[in-house]
Amino acid sequence: MLKKLSHDRNKPEKTGCGCLFDDRSADLAAAAGIGGPASVSLAEAHFPAPFKEGLEYSSPARGTWNIVHTGMLIPESHEIFVCAEGCLRGVVLTAAEMDGMGRYSAIEVRENNVLEGGMEELMIDGVADVLEKLPYRPKAILIFINCQHFFLAYDQDYVFDTLRKRFPDIDFDDCYMIPTLRKSGITPDQKMRIQMYELLKPQPFDDSLINIIGSNRKVFADSEIYDIAASAGKKIVQIHDSNTYEEYQNMARAPFNIYIEPLAKNSAERLEKRLGQKYAYLPAFFRYDRIDENYRKLAEYCGITAIDTSGLRAEADKALAEVKDLIGDTPVAIDYSFTFEIMSLVRLLLEHGINVREIFADGFAAEDEEDFRWVQKNYPDIRVSSCVRPEMRFADRQRDGRYLALGQKAAYFTGTDHFVNVVEGGGDEGLYYGYKGIVRIAELMKEAFMEPKDMKTIIQRKGRGVKSVI
């Protein structure tokens, strides 16, 4: 029998995790059969996973992208989700919020389709019906299947072979909305970053082109990465540059791919196997030596001498010094959704005297370990808190004095309206990359400190309120 949960929210208590919770949090953990803290000092934190997995809580910070947003990046494509009604609710709301309903359709899987079979006919007839009723002819159809298809062992090859024969002028891409795979093998997000390039057809290579693949946002225009490529007579191409399906297909002409986000690793490997495109992993690091190493690798591929970054370093140092002068010892919180290289950024800020006090993350990437150990040794009292442990539902989100947050989840959990609204390393201008990216983030920190935002309204918008993909 589950223990009766207390409903007296007026008696907060300190739990062993060091965060302030009301008395329901411990009862919730006991009732759910889970254990371990939801917040620890960095000295106590284990790498790469500080917290025990189990029942999860989802905060109302919705700014991260999902598979609907990512699929929309393929120009002149149309998405069709084949799911049960309950599953469709979330994706249709995403499409509606981003003004993308004209590029979205759904085929509802009902109980009789599961019990009586005929899933293949449902999909084929449903897609055909969608195509007959669309006011335009899409160049590509992205069909999103769900968990039920795998449970029922439907014949996917038959479905897609039939559709390709019936509609030879349209390319069909198999995409996946399968949350049951979220923690085993390739996640739906990683799979989507593979499928967004699966429609590219082999073409002769053009040595003047370099792709950046797998990022939901385009690298912002001021990044020095463009200048490095241009100095070698090369042009950087991203899916965001494509206004037509033909322009998207031109990405197959690049002999070399760069991927910035770890979630795109499988995509780069697949493109090398399928199209012969070589690749390099050049993450959005914040440590200067690692940024220089990225640029050395790029220069080596381009056949040029590595650039002198001393001036760029000085510019970044100056921008961070201005942040420190403005905010003083104001406590800073940062969450994992702000950047894929969270500990690299934490270390950079600490080395410039900025008072990072809280980190919200449930796990760290392998390349974070060196920076994690450095911060752990030099700043052991910094707190690391989970974003998904169920206790966080009842965490006290009030902090003494003004907090400056980097990321929506950090803003939510610290209850501050002073936050930098960046998700997955990017804002309105794109993904902040390299030294100029650091300068821009520093500017956004100053703006956030001086000008509060309506946190509760902003963080509820999916995909950071993105409309740029339409």
Protein backbone atom coordinates (compact mmCIF):
# COMPACT_ATOMS: atom_id res chain seq x y z
CA MET A 1 0.00 0.00 0.00
CA LEU A 2 1.29 3.47 -0.88
CA LYS A 3 1.99 5.75 2.01
CA LYS A 4 -0.52 8.57 2.32
CA LEU A 5 1.00 11.78 1.01
CA SER A 6 0.95 14.91 3.13
CA HIS A 7 -0.81 17.97 1.73
CA ASP A 8 0.48 20.55 4.19
CA ARG A 9 2.62 22.77 1.98
CA ASN A 10 3.31 25.26 4.77
CA LYS A 11 5.94 23.14 6.52
CA PRO A 12 9.07 23.00 4.36
CA GLU A 13 11.98 21.00 5.59
CA LYS A 14 15.57 20.44 4.64
CA THR A 15 16.12 17.05 3.05
CA GLY A 16 19.38 15.22 2.73
CA CYS A 17 19.82 16.54 -0.80
CA GLY A 18 20.45 20.09 0.36
CA CYS A 19 17.52 21.66 -1.50
CA LEU A 20 14.48 23.07 0.21
CA PHE A 21 11.42 20.83 -0.24
CA ASP A 22 8.06 20.64 1.42
CA ASP A 23 7.23 17.47 3.33
CA ARG A 24 5.55 15.76 0.37
CA SER A 25 8.80 15.21 -1.50
CA ALA A 26 10.16 12.54 0.84
CA ASP A 27 6.76 10.83 0.89
CA LEU A 28 6.65 10.90 -2.90
CA ALA A 29 10.08 9.31 -3.17
CA ALA A 30 9.15 6.59 -0.68
CA ALA A 31 5.84 5.89 -2.41
CA ALA A 32 7.55 5.63 -5.79
CA GLY A 33 10.16 3.25 -4.41
CA ILE A 34 13.08 5.47 -5.38
CA GLY A 35 15.99 6.71 -3.37
CA GLY A 36 19.01 8.94 -3.41
CA PRO A 37 19.27 12.72 -3.37
CA ALA A 38 17.97 15.10 -6.03
CA SER A 39 20.68 17.68 -5.29
CA VAL A 40 24.27 17.31 -4.11
CA SER A 41 27.38 19.39 -3.78
CA LEU A 42 29.81 19.00 -6.65
CA ALA A 43 32.21 17.35 -4.21
CA GLU A 44 29.64 14.56 -3.75
CA ALA A 45 28.60 14.28 -7.39
CA HIS A 46 29.51 11.22 -9.43
CA PHE A 47 30.53 11.53 -13.07
CA PRO A 48 28.86 11.13 -15.53
CA ALA A 49 25.51 10.46 -13.80
CA PRO A 50 25.09 12.18 -10.41
CA PHE A 51 21.55 10.91 -9.80
CA LYS A 52 19.76 7.60 -9.72
CA GLU A 53 17.29 6.95 -12.56
CA GLY A 54 13.66 6.19 -11.87
CA LEU A 55 10.32 7.95 -11.97
CA GLU A 56 10.75 11.27 -13.78
CA TYR A 57 9.31 14.76 -13.51
CA SER A 58 8.99 17.12 -16.47
CA SER A 59 9.28 20.80 -15.65
CA PRO A 60 7.22 23.38 -17.59
CA ALA A 61 10.35 24.65 -19.36
CA ARG A 62 9.52 23.59 -22.94
CA GLY A 63 12.05 25.50 -25.02
CA THR A 64 14.00 22.52 -26.30
CA TRP A 65 13.30 21.33 -29.82
CA ASN A 66 11.53 18.08 -30.64
CA ILE A 67 11.20 15.85 -33.69
CA VAL A 68 8.40 17.98 -35.18
CA HIS A 69 10.65 21.05 -35.25
CA THR A 70 13.64 19.14 -36.64
CA GLY A 71 11.65 17.49 -39.44
CA MET A 72 10.34 20.86 -40.57
CA LEU A 73 13.91 21.89 -41.45
CA ILE A 74 13.67 19.83 -44.66
CA PRO A 75 12.20 22.29 -47.18
CA GLU A 76 9.09 21.40 -49.20
CA SER A 77 8.47 18.39 -46.97
CA HIS A 78 5.29 17.31 -45.20
CA GLU A 79 5.07 15.41 -41.91
CA ILE A 80 2.56 12.61 -41.30
CA PHE A 81 2.34 11.16 -37.80
CA VAL A 82 0.78 7.68 -37.51
CA CYS A 83 -0.09 7.38 -33.81
CA ALA A 84 -2.81 6.85 -31.25
CA GLU A 85 -4.90 9.87 -30.31
CA GLY A 86 -3.14 10.44 -26.99
CA CYS A 87 0.29 10.44 -28.61
CA LEU A 88 -0.83 12.83 -31.32
CA ARG A 89 -1.86 15.50 -28.84
CA GLY A 90 1.66 16.74 -28.15
CA VAL A 91 2.92 16.81 -31.73
CA VAL A 92 -0.15 18.53 -33.15
CA LEU A 93 0.17 21.23 -30.50
CA THR A 94 3.80 21.70 -31.49
CA ALA A 95 2.88 22.08 -35.16
CA ALA A 96 0.06 24.49 -34.32
CA GLU A 97 2.21 26.63 -32.04
CA MET A 98 4.89 27.05 -34.70
CA ASP A 99 2.32 27.92 -37.40
CA GLY A 100 3.20 24.67 -39.16
CA MET A 101 -0.22 23.02 -39.53
CA GLY A 102 -0.01 23.40 -43.30
CA ARG A 103 2.91 20.96 -43.27
CA TYR A 104 1.49 18.51 -40.75
CA SER A 105 -1.03 15.67 -41.01
CA ALA A 106 -1.97 12.73 -38.79
CA ILE A 107 -3.32 9.22 -39.20
CA GLU A 108 -4.99 8.02 -36.01
CA VAL A 109 -4.34 4.44 -34.92
CA ARG A 110 -7.45 3.07 -33.19
CA GLU A 111 -8.16 -0.03 -31.14
CA ASN A 112 -9.54 -2.01 -34.07
CA ASN A 113 -6.33 -1.38 -36.05
CA VAL A 114 -4.38 -3.02 -33.25
CA LEU A 115 -6.76 -5.93 -32.57
CA GLU A 116 -7.74 -6.75 -36.15
CA GLY A 117 -4.45 -6.08 -37.90
CA GLY A 118 -4.25 -4.16 -41.14
CA MET A 119 -1.72 -1.59 -39.95
CA GLU A 120 -0.01 -1.67 -43.31
CA GLU A 121 -3.26 -0.90 -45.18
CA LEU A 122 -4.09 1.86 -42.69
CA MET A 123 -0.78 3.57 -43.37
CA ILE A 124 -0.81 3.17 -47.14
CA ASP A 125 -4.42 4.28 -47.55
CA GLY A 126 -3.99 7.05 -44.98
CA VAL A 127 -0.94 8.54 -46.66
CA ALA A 128 -2.63 8.32 -50.06
CA ASP A 129 -5.68 10.12 -48.67
CA VAL A 130 -3.49 12.90 -47.20
CA LEU A 131 -1.70 13.40 -50.53
CA GLU A 132 -4.98 13.60 -52.46
CA LYS A 133 -6.30 16.30 -50.13
CA LEU A 134 -3.20 18.46 -49.78
CA PRO A 135 -3.39 21.78 -51.65
CA TYR A 136 0.22 21.35 -52.77
CA ARG A 137 2.50 18.52 -53.87
CA PRO A 138 5.31 17.98 -51.32
CA LYS A 139 8.71 16.88 -52.55
CA ALA A 140 9.15 14.64 -49.50
CA ILE A 141 6.92 12.92 -46.96
CA LEU A 142 8.22 12.24 -43.45
CA ILE A 143 6.21 9.38 -41.94
CA PHE A 144 6.54 9.16 -38.16
CA ILE A 145 5.73 5.76 -36.73
CA ASN A 146 5.36 4.96 -33.03
CA CYS A 147 5.82 2.22 -30.43
CA GLN A 148 2.74 0.29 -31.55
CA HIS A 149 4.28 -0.47 -34.93
CA PHE A 150 7.14 -2.31 -33.27
CA PHE A 151 4.91 -4.09 -30.80
CA LEU A 152 2.78 -5.33 -33.69
CA ALA A 153 5.77 -6.20 -35.92
CA TYR A 154 4.21 -4.55 -38.96
CA ASP A 155 5.88 -4.87 -42.37
CA GLN A 156 7.61 -1.52 -42.82
CA ASP A 157 9.41 -2.48 -46.03
CA TYR A 158 6.09 -3.35 -47.66
CA VAL A 159 4.55 -0.03 -46.63
CA PHE A 160 7.38 2.15 -47.93
CA ASP A 161 7.97 0.09 -51.09
CA THR A 162 4.28 0.39 -51.95
CA LEU A 163 4.18 4.13 -51.33
CA ARG A 164 7.31 4.75 -53.41
CA LYS A 165 5.88 2.80 -56.34
CA ARG A 166 2.51 4.56 -56.09
CA PHE A 167 4.02 8.04 -55.76
CA PRO A 168 7.36 7.95 -57.65
CA ASP A 169 7.67 11.75 -57.68
CA ILE A 170 7.81 11.93 -53.87
CA ASP A 171 10.63 10.87 -51.54
CA PHE A 172 9.52 9.01 -48.41
CA ASP A 173 11.49 9.17 -45.17
CA ASP A 174 10.86 6.85 -42.21
CA CYS A 175 10.93 8.79 -38.93
CA TYR A 176 10.28 7.63 -35.38
CA MET A 177 8.33 8.84 -32.36
CA ILE A 178 9.20 6.00 -30.00
CA PRO A 179 9.69 7.11 -26.38
CA THR A 180 10.26 3.50 -25.31
CA LEU A 181 13.67 3.77 -27.00
CA ARG A 182 14.61 6.97 -25.16
CA LYS A 183 17.06 5.23 -22.83
CA SER A 184 18.10 2.25 -24.89
CA GLY A 185 20.12 2.46 -28.07
CA ILE A 186 19.66 5.43 -30.39
CA THR A 187 17.11 7.89 -29.00
CA PRO A 188 14.34 9.37 -31.19
CA ASP A 189 16.24 12.69 -31.16
CA GLN A 190 19.45 11.05 -32.39
CA LYS A 191 17.49 9.04 -34.95
CA MET A 192 15.80 12.20 -36.24
CA ARG A 193 19.19 13.80 -36.84
CA ILE A 194 20.06 10.81 -39.01
CA GLN A 195 16.78 10.86 -40.93
CA MET A 196 16.93 14.60 -41.69
CA TYR A 197 19.75 13.77 -44.17
CA GLU A 198 18.61 10.31 -45.24
CA LEU A 199 16.84 11.76 -48.29
CA LEU A 200 20.08 13.17 -49.74
CA LYS A 201 21.01 11.44 -53.00
CA PRO A 202 24.62 10.79 -54.12
CA GLN A 203 26.14 13.55 -56.25
CA PRO A 204 29.63 14.44 -57.51
CA PHE A 205 31.63 16.20 -54.81
CA ASP A 206 32.39 19.92 -54.90
CA ASP A 207 35.59 20.52 -52.90
CA SER A 208 34.59 24.11 -52.17
CA LEU A 209 31.71 23.02 -49.89
CA ILE A 210 31.70 22.07 -46.20
CA ASN A 211 28.52 21.04 -44.41
CA ILE A 212 27.64 21.64 -40.79
CA ILE A 213 25.11 18.94 -39.95
CA GLY A 214 22.85 17.84 -37.13
CA SER A 215 22.13 21.16 -35.42
CA ASN A 216 18.63 22.51 -35.00
CA ARG A 217 19.94 26.05 -35.28
CA LYS A 218 22.27 27.54 -37.85
CA VAL A 219 25.64 28.74 -36.56
CA PHE A 220 25.23 32.49 -36.10
CA ALA A 221 26.61 34.73 -38.80
CA ASP A 222 29.39 36.41 -36.75
CA SER A 223 31.20 33.17 -35.90
CA GLU A 224 34.80 33.11 -37.06
CA ILE A 225 34.30 29.58 -38.42
CA TYR A 226 32.91 31.13 -41.61
CA ASP A 227 36.00 33.33 -42.02
CA ILE A 228 38.34 30.36 -41.63
CA ALA A 229 36.52 28.43 -44.35
CA ALA A 230 36.29 31.48 -46.63
CA SER A 231 40.04 32.14 -46.33
CA ALA A 232 40.56 28.72 -47.90
CA GLY A 233 38.04 29.41 -50.66
CA LYS A 234 35.39 27.18 -49.09
CA LYS A 235 31.75 27.79 -48.24
CA ILE A 236 29.96 26.42 -45.19
CA VAL A 237 26.50 25.03 -45.95
CA GLN A 238 23.76 24.12 -43.47
CA ILE A 239 20.26 22.73 -43.91
CA HIS A 240 18.93 26.11 -42.78
CA ASP A 241 20.31 27.68 -45.98
CA SER A 242 17.96 25.58 -48.12
CA ASN A 243 14.79 27.27 -49.32
CA THR A 244 13.93 24.52 -51.81
CA TYR A 245 14.24 20.76 -51.87
CA GLU A 246 16.78 21.04 -54.69
CA GLU A 247 18.98 23.30 -52.56
CA TYR A 248 18.70 20.79 -49.72
CA GLN A 249 19.88 18.05 -52.10
CA ASN A 250 23.02 20.07 -52.83
CA MET A 251 24.29 19.19 -49.35
CA ALA A 252 25.25 15.82 -50.84
CA ARG A 253 27.89 17.61 -52.91
CA ALA A 254 30.04 18.50 -49.89
CA PRO A 255 32.88 16.01 -49.33
CA PHE A 256 33.26 16.99 -45.67
CA ASN A 257 30.83 17.33 -42.77
CA ILE A 258 31.28 19.06 -39.43
CA TYR A 259 29.03 18.13 -36.56
CA ILE A 260 28.88 20.27 -33.44
CA GLU A 261 26.39 18.49 -31.21
CA PRO A 262 27.10 15.01 -29.80
CA LEU A 263 23.59 13.88 -30.82
CA ALA A 264 24.66 14.13 -34.47
CA LYS A 265 27.49 11.57 -34.27
CA ASN A 266 25.39 8.76 -35.75
CA SER A 267 24.27 11.07 -38.54
CA ALA A 268 27.87 11.85 -39.53
CA GLU A 269 28.77 8.16 -39.47
CA ARG A 270 25.76 7.28 -41.60
CA LEU A 271 26.56 9.96 -44.20
CA GLU A 272 30.14 8.74 -44.47
CA LYS A 273 28.93 5.20 -45.07
CA ARG A 274 26.16 6.16 -47.47
CA LEU A 275 27.60 9.13 -49.39
CA GLY A 276 31.32 8.92 -48.64
CA GLN A 277 31.41 12.26 -46.81
CA LYS A 278 34.26 12.48 -44.30
CA TYR A 279 33.55 14.20 -41.00
CA ALA A 280 35.01 15.86 -37.93
CA TYR A 281 33.53 16.56 -34.51
CA LEU A 282 34.11 20.20 -33.59
CA PRO A 283 31.99 20.81 -30.46
CA ALA A 284 30.87 24.23 -29.26
CA PHE A 285 33.56 24.36 -26.57
CA PHE A 286 34.05 27.43 -24.38
CA ARG A 287 37.61 26.75 -23.26
CA TYR A 288 40.05 28.69 -25.41
CA ASP A 289 42.52 25.83 -25.94
CA ARG A 290 39.74 23.58 -27.16
CA ILE A 291 38.34 26.22 -29.49
CA ASP A 292 41.84 26.61 -30.95
CA GLU A 293 42.09 22.85 -31.41
CA ASN A 294 38.80 22.88 -33.34
CA TYR A 295 40.09 25.60 -35.62
CA ARG A 296 43.43 23.83 -36.07
CA LYS A 297 41.55 20.73 -37.29
CA LEU A 298 39.44 22.80 -39.67
CA ALA A 299 42.50 24.64 -41.01
CA GLU A 300 44.28 21.32 -41.53
CA TYR A 301 41.38 20.00 -43.59
CA CYS A 302 41.26 23.22 -45.60
CA GLY A 303 45.02 23.10 -46.24
CA ILE A 304 45.76 26.45 -44.60
CA THR A 305 47.71 27.70 -41.59
CA ALA A 306 45.79 27.86 -38.31
CA ILE A 307 44.59 31.35 -37.47
CA ASP A 308 46.08 33.52 -34.72
CA THR A 309 43.35 33.69 -32.08
CA SER A 310 45.05 36.08 -29.63
CA GLY A 311 42.87 39.00 -30.68
CA LEU A 312 39.72 36.89 -30.44
CA ARG A 313 40.75 35.72 -26.96
CA ALA A 314 41.27 39.29 -25.84
CA GLU A 315 37.84 40.23 -27.15
CA ALA A 316 36.23 37.36 -25.22
CA ASP A 317 38.17 38.23 -22.04
CA LYS A 318 37.02 41.83 -22.28
CA ALA A 319 33.37 40.82 -22.73
CA LEU A 320 33.48 38.48 -19.71
CA ALA A 321 35.25 41.12 -17.59
CA GLU A 322 32.39 43.50 -18.38
CA VAL A 323 29.90 40.87 -17.18
CA LYS A 324 31.84 40.50 -13.92
CA ASP A 325 32.02 44.28 -13.42
CA LEU A 326 28.26 44.58 -13.92
CA ILE A 327 26.93 41.63 -11.93
CA GLY A 328 29.61 41.45 -9.23
CA ASP A 329 29.02 38.45 -6.98
CA THR A 330 25.47 37.81 -8.20
CA PRO A 331 24.89 34.04 -8.06
CA VAL A 332 24.59 32.36 -11.45
CA ALA A 333 22.74 29.13 -12.27
CA ILE A 334 23.05 27.16 -15.51
CA ASP A 335 21.22 24.14 -16.90
CA TYR A 336 22.06 21.44 -19.43
CA SER A 337 19.56 22.71 -22.02
CA PHE A 338 21.60 25.91 -22.43
CA THR A 339 24.51 24.12 -24.09
CA PHE A 340 25.73 20.61 -24.80
CA GLU A 341 29.12 21.61 -23.31
CA ILE A 342 27.88 22.72 -19.91
CA MET A 343 31.01 22.11 -17.82
CA SER A 344 33.20 23.83 -20.40
CA LEU A 345 31.06 26.95 -19.95
CA VAL A 346 30.95 26.63 -16.16
CA ARG A 347 34.74 26.50 -16.04
CA LEU A 348 35.10 29.50 -18.36
CA LEU A 349 32.79 31.61 -16.20
CA LEU A 350 34.51 30.60 -12.97
CA GLU A 351 37.94 31.37 -14.41
CA HIS A 352 36.67 34.88 -15.12
CA GLY A 353 35.43 35.42 -11.58
CA ILE A 354 31.73 34.86 -12.25
CA ASN A 355 29.93 33.32 -9.28
CA VAL A 356 28.42 30.09 -10.66
CA ARG A 357 26.53 28.60 -7.73
CA GLU A 358 24.12 26.00 -9.17
CA ILE A 359 24.18 23.52 -12.06
CA PHE A 360 21.00 21.75 -13.18
CA ALA A 361 21.86 18.55 -15.05
CA ASP A 362 21.16 14.83 -14.77
CA GLY A 363 24.19 13.71 -16.72
CA PHE A 364 27.33 14.91 -18.45
CA ALA A 365 28.93 14.11 -21.81
CA ALA A 366 32.23 12.23 -21.96
CA GLU A 367 34.12 15.32 -23.12
CA ASP A 368 32.89 17.13 -19.98
CA GLU A 369 34.99 15.00 -17.65
CA GLU A 370 38.19 17.07 -17.63
CA ASP A 371 36.29 20.27 -16.92
CA PHE A 372 34.01 18.50 -14.43
CA ARG A 373 37.04 17.31 -12.44
CA TRP A 374 38.63 20.76 -12.53
CA VAL A 375 35.49 22.47 -11.24
CA GLN A 376 34.91 19.71 -8.69
CA LYS A 377 38.43 20.19 -7.30
CA ASN A 378 38.43 23.99 -7.24
CA TYR A 379 34.76 24.74 -6.46
CA PRO A 380 33.46 21.71 -4.54
CA ASP A 381 30.56 23.59 -2.92
CA ILE A 382 28.74 24.33 -6.17
CA ARG A 383 25.44 22.46 -6.13
CA VAL A 384 24.38 20.04 -8.84
CA SER A 385 20.62 19.41 -9.01
CA SER A 386 18.52 17.07 -11.07
CA CYS A 387 15.98 18.40 -13.56
CA VAL A 388 13.88 15.23 -13.73
CA ARG A 389 13.88 13.62 -10.30
CA PRO A 390 10.29 13.66 -8.94
CA GLU A 391 11.41 15.53 -5.82
CA MET A 392 12.09 18.55 -8.03
CA ARG A 393 8.34 18.93 -8.45
CA PHE A 394 8.30 20.20 -4.87
CA ALA A 395 11.64 22.01 -4.76
CA ASP A 396 11.53 25.51 -3.37
CA ARG A 397 12.12 27.79 -6.34
CA GLN A 398 12.71 30.92 -4.31
CA ARG A 399 16.28 32.20 -3.91
CA ASP A 400 17.54 35.00 -1.70
CA GLY A 401 18.32 38.07 -3.77
CA ARG A 402 18.68 38.32 -7.55
CA TYR A 403 19.80 35.25 -9.48
CA LEU A 404 21.08 35.26 -13.06
CA ALA A 405 20.16 32.08 -14.92
CA LEU A 406 21.56 30.65 -18.13
CA GLY A 407 18.82 28.52 -19.64
CA GLN A 408 15.10 28.09 -19.13
CA LYS A 409 15.27 25.23 -16.64
CA ALA A 410 17.75 27.10 -14.47
CA ALA A 411 15.41 30.10 -14.58
CA TYR A 412 12.45 27.96 -13.56
CA PHE A 413 14.17 26.15 -10.70
CA THR A 414 15.62 29.37 -9.28
CA GLY A 415 12.42 31.35 -9.86
CA THR A 416 14.18 34.23 -11.60
CA ASP A 417 13.04 36.51 -14.42
CA HIS A 418 16.66 37.45 -15.06
CA PHE A 419 17.73 34.75 -17.50
CA VAL A 420 19.39 34.20 -20.86
CA ASN A 421 16.84 32.56 -23.11
CA VAL A 422 19.20 30.24 -25.00
CA VAL A 423 18.39 26.62 -25.85
CA GLU A 424 20.77 24.04 -27.36
CA GLY A 425 23.51 26.66 -27.60
CA GLY A 426 21.52 29.18 -29.63
CA GLY A 427 19.17 32.12 -29.60
CA ASP A 428 17.40 34.23 -32.20
CA GLU A 429 20.64 34.80 -34.13
CA GLY A 430 21.57 31.14 -34.29
CA LEU A 431 23.97 28.81 -32.48
CA TYR A 432 26.67 30.76 -30.64
CA TYR A 433 29.94 29.19 -31.73
CA GLY A 434 33.58 30.05 -31.07
CA TYR A 435 35.05 33.21 -29.57
CA LYS A 436 32.41 35.46 -31.09
CA GLY A 437 29.84 33.12 -29.57
CA ILE A 438 31.32 33.73 -26.12
CA VAL A 439 31.20 37.47 -26.70
CA ARG A 440 27.54 37.29 -27.69
CA ILE A 441 26.61 35.16 -24.67
CA ALA A 442 28.38 37.69 -22.43
CA GLU A 443 26.28 40.46 -23.99
CA LEU A 444 23.12 38.45 -23.41
CA MET A 445 24.12 37.92 -19.76
CA LYS A 446 24.39 41.68 -19.28
CA GLU A 447 21.02 42.23 -20.95
CA ALA A 448 19.39 39.55 -18.79
CA PHE A 449 20.81 41.08 -15.62
CA MET A 450 19.51 44.55 -16.47
CA GLU A 451 16.19 43.62 -18.10
CA PRO A 452 13.94 40.95 -16.54
CA LYS A 453 11.72 38.76 -18.74
CA ASP A 454 8.35 37.12 -18.14
CA MET A 455 9.84 33.73 -17.29
CA LYS A 456 6.57 31.87 -16.73
CA THR A 457 5.22 32.81 -20.15
CA ILE A 458 8.41 32.40 -22.16
CA ILE A 459 9.49 28.95 -20.96
CA GLN A 460 6.17 27.35 -21.90
CA ARG A 461 6.72 27.95 -25.62
CA LYS A 462 7.94 24.83 -27.37
CA GLY A 463 11.15 25.01 -29.33
CA ARG A 464 11.90 28.36 -27.72
CA GLY A 465 8.90 29.75 -29.61
CA VAL A 466 10.68 28.97 -32.87
CA LYS A 467 9.08 29.94 -36.15
CA SER A 468 12.26 30.22 -38.20
CA VAL A 469 11.86 26.77 -39.77
CA ILE A 470 8.66 27.68 -41.63
